[in-house]
Amino acid sequence: MFTGIIEKIGMITELIYSEKNVSFWIESPISDELSIDQSVAHNGVCLTVEEIKDGKHKVTAIQETLNKTNLKQWKNKSIINLERCLPMNGRLDGHLVQGHVDSVATCSAIAEKQGSWEYTFSFDPKFASLVIEKGSVTINGISLTLFDVSNQSFRVAIIPYTFEHTNMQHLVIGDEVNIEFDMIGKYINRIMELKK
């Protein structure tokens, strides 16, 4: 379980292809602090640490993960948001995040607002019931609040700290991001569907 509060950013240094899987070596300030088998959110995707050496750690994405996330677009020197899992005695500063990405969204607009930034994202309308005004969403692992919601788009505001300490600063129009909708909302939505 995660909170959507990014700890550090990392950089892809190597990609290894094996059948339909892709392994990534990631260099980061926390790589040496990780342990084998530890779960870490990478751009919001929960991946298992397999190896650690020289300030880098290795994770592998299977075909299902590659199909549903933006990991298929990662390349050498891509910048990745990282968050270690929430300790049971830790504070929940963002919202409950599983690291199970639901889909990708596309950045359709970026506006600088005199010290902050607003990003507009378009998404598959089949998820419209999970997107509510002032609700929570995770974008590339970042816990954010939605506004200006429609059936296929929403906006989020980015404060300077988040802009400087995540990969939002590298995002350009047309980029795909990983999105995970609010877990509680997904359970409520499922219950309502089953009552029909």
C-alpha atoms as a PDB file:
ATOM      1  CA  MET A   1       0.000   0.000   0.000  1.00  0.00           C
ATOM      2  CA  PHE A   2       1.205   3.496  -0.874  1.00  0.00           C
ATOM      3  CA  THR A   3       0.109   7.087  -0.284  1.00  0.00           C
ATOM      4  CA  GLY A   4       0.923   8.860  -3.541  1.00  0.00           C
ATOM      5  CA  ILE A   5       3.576  11.030  -1.881  1.00  0.00           C
ATOM      6  CA  ILE A   6       6.713  10.698  -4.024  1.00  0.00           C
ATOM      7  CA  GLU A   7       9.950  10.128  -2.114  1.00  0.00           C
ATOM      8  CA  LYS A   8      12.534  10.514  -4.849  1.00  0.00           C
ATOM      9  CA  ILE A   9      12.945  10.374  -8.579  1.00  0.00           C
ATOM     10  CA  GLY A  10      15.111   7.801 -10.334  1.00  0.00           C
ATOM     11  CA  MET A  11      16.543   7.394 -13.814  1.00  0.00           C
ATOM     12  CA  ILE A  12      16.405   4.363 -16.099  1.00  0.00           C
ATOM     13  CA  THR A  13      19.953   3.277 -16.914  1.00  0.00           C
ATOM     14  CA  GLU A  14      19.353  -0.036 -18.694  1.00  0.00           C
ATOM     15  CA  LEU A  15      16.532  -2.065 -20.239  1.00  0.00           C
ATOM     16  CA  ILE A  16      16.722  -5.850 -20.619  1.00  0.00           C
ATOM     17  CA  TYR A  17      14.224  -7.657 -22.852  1.00  0.00           C
ATOM     18  CA  SER A  18      13.385 -11.303 -22.151  1.00  0.00           C
ATOM     19  CA  GLU A  19      10.564 -12.827 -24.195  1.00  0.00           C
ATOM     20  CA  LYS A  20       7.547 -10.575 -23.390  1.00  0.00           C
ATOM     21  CA  ASN A  21       9.011  -9.141 -20.184  1.00  0.00           C
ATOM     22  CA  VAL A  22      11.174  -6.060 -19.716  1.00  0.00           C
ATOM     23  CA  SER A  23      13.564  -5.513 -16.806  1.00  0.00           C
ATOM     24  CA  PHE A  24      14.691  -2.033 -15.828  1.00  0.00           C
ATOM     25  CA  TRP A  25      17.762  -0.913 -13.930  1.00  0.00           C
ATOM     26  CA  ILE A  26      16.991   2.325 -12.093  1.00  0.00           C
ATOM     27  CA  GLU A  27      19.514   4.631 -10.441  1.00  0.00           C
ATOM     28  CA  SER A  28      18.155   6.611  -7.489  1.00  0.00           C
ATOM     29  CA  PRO A  29      19.098   8.065  -4.098  1.00  0.00           C
ATOM     30  CA  ILE A  30      17.104   5.314  -2.340  1.00  0.00           C
ATOM     31  CA  SER A  31      18.204   2.280  -4.372  1.00  0.00           C
ATOM     32  CA  ASP A  32      20.901   1.256  -1.875  1.00  0.00           C
ATOM     33  CA  GLU A  33      18.350   1.519   0.964  1.00  0.00           C
ATOM     34  CA  LEU A  34      15.976  -0.971  -0.655  1.00  0.00           C
ATOM     35  CA  SER A  35      15.889  -4.701  -0.031  1.00  0.00           C
ATOM     36  CA  ILE A  36      15.298  -7.663  -2.321  1.00  0.00           C
ATOM     37  CA  ASP A  37      11.566  -8.541  -2.610  1.00  0.00           C
ATOM     38  CA  GLN A  38      10.536  -5.056  -1.464  1.00  0.00           C
ATOM     39  CA  SER A  39       7.541  -3.452  -3.183  1.00  0.00           C
ATOM     40  CA  VAL A  40       8.211  -0.003  -4.629  1.00  0.00           C
ATOM     41  CA  ALA A  41       5.886   2.176  -6.699  1.00  0.00           C
ATOM     42  CA  HIS A  42       7.511   3.236  -9.977  1.00  0.00           C
ATOM     43  CA  ASN A  43       5.390   5.943 -11.645  1.00  0.00           C
ATOM     44  CA  GLY A  44       2.585   4.489  -9.551  1.00  0.00           C
ATOM     45  CA  VAL A  45       3.195   0.876 -10.593  1.00  0.00           C
ATOM     46  CA  CYS A  46       3.985  -1.529  -7.757  1.00  0.00           C
ATOM     47  CA  LEU A  47       7.060  -3.531  -8.794  1.00  0.00           C
ATOM     48  CA  THR A  48       9.247  -5.964  -6.842  1.00  0.00           C
ATOM     49  CA  VAL A  49      12.921  -5.192  -6.301  1.00  0.00           C
ATOM     50  CA  GLU A  50      14.964  -8.090  -7.725  1.00  0.00           C
ATOM     51  CA  GLU A  51      18.571  -6.906  -7.497  1.00  0.00           C
ATOM     52  CA  ILE A  52      20.512  -4.005  -5.974  1.00  0.00           C
ATOM     53  CA  LYS A  53      24.011  -2.843  -6.833  1.00  0.00           C
ATOM     54  CA  ASP A  54      26.038   0.348  -7.176  1.00  0.00           C
ATOM     55  CA  GLY A  55      23.211   2.736  -6.317  1.00  0.00           C
ATOM     56  CA  LYS A  56      20.788   1.024  -8.695  1.00  0.00           C
ATOM     57  CA  HIS A  57      17.965  -1.480  -8.391  1.00  0.00           C
ATOM     58  CA  LYS A  58      16.336  -3.811 -10.899  1.00  0.00           C
ATOM     59  CA  VAL A  59      12.621  -4.499 -11.437  1.00  0.00           C
ATOM     60  CA  THR A  60      10.741  -6.446 -14.106  1.00  0.00           C
ATOM     61  CA  ALA A  61       7.425  -5.714 -15.816  1.00  0.00           C
ATOM     62  CA  ILE A  62       5.422  -8.551 -17.362  1.00  0.00           C
ATOM     63  CA  GLN A  63       3.241  -8.231 -20.475  1.00  0.00           C
ATOM     64  CA  GLU A  64       0.059  -7.416 -18.510  1.00  0.00           C
ATOM     65  CA  THR A  65       1.803  -4.496 -16.794  1.00  0.00           C
ATOM     66  CA  LEU A  66       3.296  -3.241 -20.044  1.00  0.00           C
ATOM     67  CA  ASN A  67      -0.133  -3.357 -21.731  1.00  0.00           C
ATOM     68  CA  LYS A  68      -1.901  -1.287 -19.065  1.00  0.00           C
ATOM     69  CA  THR A  69       0.751   1.285 -18.151  1.00  0.00           C
ATOM     70  CA  ASN A  70       3.235   3.710 -19.679  1.00  0.00           C
ATOM     71  CA  LEU A  71       6.181   1.425 -18.858  1.00  0.00           C
ATOM     72  CA  LYS A  72       6.248   0.318 -22.484  1.00  0.00           C
ATOM     73  CA  GLN A  73       7.397   3.866 -23.301  1.00  0.00           C
ATOM     74  CA  TRP A  74      10.242   3.944 -20.782  1.00  0.00           C
ATOM     75  CA  LYS A  75      13.681   4.256 -22.305  1.00  0.00           C
ATOM     76  CA  ASN A  76      17.229   4.926 -21.226  1.00  0.00           C
ATOM     77  CA  LYS A  77      17.377   8.122 -19.086  1.00  0.00           C
ATOM     78  CA  SER A  78      13.608   8.235 -18.482  1.00  0.00           C
ATOM     79  CA  ILE A  79      12.866   9.911 -15.137  1.00  0.00           C
ATOM     80  CA  ILE A  80      10.684   7.836 -12.787  1.00  0.00           C
ATOM     81  CA  ASN A  81       8.759   8.751  -9.612  1.00  0.00           C
ATOM     82  CA  LEU A  82       9.530   6.429  -6.691  1.00  0.00           C
ATOM     83  CA  GLU A  83       7.691   5.688  -3.454  1.00  0.00           C
ATOM     84  CA  ARG A  84       8.349   2.938  -0.939  1.00  0.00           C
ATOM     85  CA  CYS A  85       5.360   1.215   0.637  1.00  0.00           C
ATOM     86  CA  LEU A  86       3.579   2.757   3.615  1.00  0.00           C
ATOM     87  CA  PRO A  87       4.730   1.501   7.042  1.00  0.00           C
ATOM     88  CA  MET A  88       1.802   0.450   9.254  1.00  0.00           C
ATOM     89  CA  ASN A  89       2.651   3.209  11.747  1.00  0.00           C
ATOM     90  CA  GLY A  90       3.134   5.872   9.058  1.00  0.00           C
ATOM     91  CA  ARG A  91       1.069   8.928   8.214  1.00  0.00           C
ATOM     92  CA  LEU A  92      -1.312   8.830   5.269  1.00  0.00           C
ATOM     93  CA  ASP A  93      -0.386  12.166   3.717  1.00  0.00           C
ATOM     94  CA  GLY A  94      -1.939  11.477   0.296  1.00  0.00           C
ATOM     95  CA  HIS A  95      -4.655   8.835  -0.127  1.00  0.00           C
ATOM     96  CA  LEU A  96      -4.808   5.031  -0.166  1.00  0.00           C
ATOM     97  CA  VAL A  97      -2.964   3.827  -3.268  1.00  0.00           C
ATOM     98  CA  GLN A  98      -2.478   0.190  -4.249  1.00  0.00           C
ATOM     99  CA  GLY A  99       0.067   0.607  -7.005  1.00  0.00           C
ATOM    100  CA  HIS A 100      -2.344  -1.194  -9.362  1.00  0.00           C
ATOM    101  CA  VAL A 101      -2.660   1.119 -12.345  1.00  0.00           C
ATOM    102  CA  ASP A 102      -6.117   1.168 -13.937  1.00  0.00           C
ATOM    103  CA  SER A 103      -5.242   2.778 -17.241  1.00  0.00           C
ATOM    104  CA  VAL A 104      -3.224   5.483 -18.921  1.00  0.00           C
ATOM    105  CA  ALA A 105      -4.351   9.053 -19.555  1.00  0.00           C
ATOM    106  CA  THR A 106      -2.963  11.508 -22.090  1.00  0.00           C
ATOM    107  CA  CYS A 107      -1.744  14.986 -21.222  1.00  0.00           C
ATOM    108  CA  SER A 108      -3.756  17.333 -23.443  1.00  0.00           C
ATOM    109  CA  ALA A 109      -2.830  20.760 -22.020  1.00  0.00           C
ATOM    110  CA  ILE A 110      -0.350  22.418 -19.664  1.00  0.00           C
ATOM    111  CA  ALA A 111      -0.844  25.934 -18.325  1.00  0.00           C
ATOM    112  CA  GLU A 112       1.557  27.871 -16.095  1.00  0.00           C
ATOM    113  CA  LYS A 113      -0.361  29.842 -13.482  1.00  0.00           C
ATOM    114  CA  GLN A 114       2.197  32.319 -12.086  1.00  0.00           C
ATOM    115  CA  GLY A 115       3.975  29.908  -9.780  1.00  0.00           C
ATOM    116  CA  SER A 116       1.870  26.780 -10.176  1.00  0.00           C
ATOM    117  CA  TRP A 117       0.830  24.607 -13.096  1.00  0.00           C
ATOM    118  CA  GLU A 118      -2.435  23.121 -14.328  1.00  0.00           C
ATOM    119  CA  TYR A 119      -2.413  19.918 -16.368  1.00  0.00           C
ATOM    120  CA  THR A 120      -5.366  18.586 -18.329  1.00  0.00           C
ATOM    121  CA  PHE A 121      -5.637  14.851 -18.974  1.00  0.00           C
ATOM    122  CA  SER A 122      -7.985  12.905 -21.226  1.00  0.00           C
ATOM    123  CA  PHE A 123      -8.951   9.348 -20.297  1.00  0.00           C
ATOM    124  CA  ASP A 124     -11.122   6.473 -21.492  1.00  0.00           C
ATOM    125  CA  PRO A 125     -14.791   7.423 -20.878  1.00  0.00           C
ATOM    126  CA  LYS A 126     -15.489   3.939 -19.502  1.00  0.00           C
ATOM    127  CA  PHE A 127     -13.854   5.183 -16.261  1.00  0.00           C
ATOM    128  CA  ALA A 128     -16.069   8.286 -16.000  1.00  0.00           C
ATOM    129  CA  SER A 129     -17.971   6.969 -12.958  1.00  0.00           C
ATOM    130  CA  LEU A 130     -14.691   6.825 -10.988  1.00  0.00           C
ATOM    131  CA  VAL A 131     -13.794  10.479 -11.562  1.00  0.00           C
ATOM    132  CA  ILE A 132     -15.464  13.047  -9.302  1.00  0.00           C
ATOM    133  CA  GLU A 133     -14.950  16.754  -8.686  1.00  0.00           C
ATOM    134  CA  LYS A 134     -12.435  17.278  -5.836  1.00  0.00           C
ATOM    135  CA  GLY A 135     -11.821  13.536  -5.694  1.00  0.00           C
ATOM    136  CA  SER A 136      -8.435  11.812  -5.597  1.00  0.00           C
ATOM    137  CA  VAL A 137      -6.444  10.278  -8.418  1.00  0.00           C
ATOM    138  CA  THR A 138      -2.904   9.002  -8.716  1.00  0.00           C
ATOM    139  CA  ILE A 139      -0.945  10.244 -11.740  1.00  0.00           C
ATOM    140  CA  ASN A 140       2.443   8.571 -12.258  1.00  0.00           C
ATOM    141  CA  GLY A 141       2.233   7.682  -8.571  1.00  0.00           C
ATOM    142  CA  ILE A 142       1.428  11.226  -7.373  1.00  0.00           C
ATOM    143  CA  SER A 143      -1.669  11.735  -5.209  1.00  0.00           C
ATOM    144  CA  LEU A 144      -3.593  14.653  -6.726  1.00  0.00           C
ATOM    145  CA  THR A 145      -7.001  16.322  -6.478  1.00  0.00           C
ATOM    146  CA  LEU A 146      -9.260  16.457  -9.538  1.00  0.00           C
ATOM    147  CA  PHE A 147     -11.219  19.446 -10.769  1.00  0.00           C
ATOM    148  CA  ASP A 148     -13.015  20.580 -13.911  1.00  0.00           C
ATOM    149  CA  VAL A 149     -14.144  16.975 -14.374  1.00  0.00           C
ATOM    150  CA  SER A 150     -15.971  15.738 -17.475  1.00  0.00           C
ATOM    151  CA  ASN A 151     -16.748  12.258 -18.789  1.00  0.00           C
ATOM    152  CA  GLN A 152     -13.386  12.053 -20.537  1.00  0.00           C
ATOM    153  CA  SER A 153     -11.073  14.663 -19.030  1.00  0.00           C
ATOM    154  CA  PHE A 154     -10.012  16.329 -15.807  1.00  0.00           C
ATOM    155  CA  ARG A 155      -7.503  18.865 -14.571  1.00  0.00           C
ATOM    156  CA  VAL A 156      -5.047  18.841 -11.671  1.00  0.00           C
ATOM    157  CA  ALA A 157      -3.021  21.658 -10.117  1.00  0.00           C
ATOM    158  CA  ILE A 158       0.671  21.196  -9.343  1.00  0.00           C
ATOM    159  CA  ILE A 159       2.397  23.239  -6.641  1.00  0.00           C
ATOM    160  CA  PRO A 160       6.071  24.222  -7.055  1.00  0.00           C
ATOM    161  CA  TYR A 161       7.340  21.555  -4.619  1.00  0.00           C
ATOM    162  CA  THR A 162       5.612  18.741  -6.516  1.00  0.00           C
ATOM    163  CA  PHE A 163       6.759  20.169  -9.848  1.00  0.00           C
ATOM    164  CA  GLU A 164      10.397  20.286  -8.694  1.00  0.00           C
ATOM    165  CA  HIS A 165      10.483  16.890  -6.951  1.00  0.00           C
ATOM    166  CA  THR A 166       8.617  14.676  -9.437  1.00  0.00           C
ATOM    167  CA  ASN A 167       8.703  13.953 -13.141  1.00  0.00           C
ATOM    168  CA  MET A 168       5.777  16.320 -13.789  1.00  0.00           C
ATOM    169  CA  GLN A 169       8.384  18.889 -14.846  1.00  0.00           C
ATOM    170  CA  HIS A 170       9.334  16.639 -17.790  1.00  0.00           C
ATOM    171  CA  LEU A 171       5.773  16.030 -18.978  1.00  0.00           C
ATOM    172  CA  VAL A 172       4.791  17.414 -22.389  1.00  0.00           C
ATOM    173  CA  ILE A 173       1.499  17.488 -24.247  1.00  0.00           C
ATOM    174  CA  GLY A 174       0.809  14.083 -25.775  1.00  0.00           C
ATOM    175  CA  ASP A 175       2.622  12.107 -23.061  1.00  0.00           C
ATOM    176  CA  GLU A 176       0.837   9.165 -21.469  1.00  0.00           C
ATOM    177  CA  VAL A 177       0.715   8.878 -17.678  1.00  0.00           C
ATOM    178  CA  ASN A 178      -0.312   6.041 -15.396  1.00  0.00           C
ATOM    179  CA  ILE A 179      -3.562   6.624 -13.536  1.00  0.00           C
ATOM    180  CA  GLU A 180      -4.994   4.770 -10.570  1.00  0.00           C
ATOM    181  CA  PHE A 181      -8.469   5.792  -9.507  1.00  0.00           C
ATOM    182  CA  ASP A 182      -9.487   6.059  -5.865  1.00  0.00           C
ATOM    183  CA  MET A 183      -9.731   2.583  -4.338  1.00  0.00           C
ATOM    184  CA  ILE A 184     -12.779   3.353  -2.201  1.00  0.00           C
ATOM    185  CA  GLY A 185     -14.572   4.770  -5.220  1.00  0.00           C
ATOM    186  CA  LYS A 186     -13.818   1.617  -7.186  1.00  0.00           C
ATOM    187  CA  TYR A 187     -15.333  -0.598  -4.478  1.00  0.00           C
ATOM    188  CA  ILE A 188     -18.469   1.552  -4.259  1.00  0.00           C
ATOM    189  CA  ASN A 189     -18.775   1.554  -8.041  1.00  0.00           C
ATOM    190  CA  ARG A 190     -18.510  -2.248  -8.123  1.00  0.00           C
ATOM    191  CA  ILE A 191     -21.157  -2.687  -5.409  1.00  0.00           C
ATOM    192  CA  MET A 192     -23.543  -0.431  -7.323  1.00  0.00           C
ATOM    193  CA  GLU A 193     -22.935  -2.364 -10.539  1.00  0.00           C
ATOM    194  CA  LEU A 194     -23.767  -5.662  -8.851  1.00  0.00           C
ATOM    195  CA  LYS A 195     -27.041  -4.233  -7.494  1.00  0.00           C
ATOM    196  CA  LYS A 196     -28.336  -3.472 -11.002  1.00  0.00           C
END
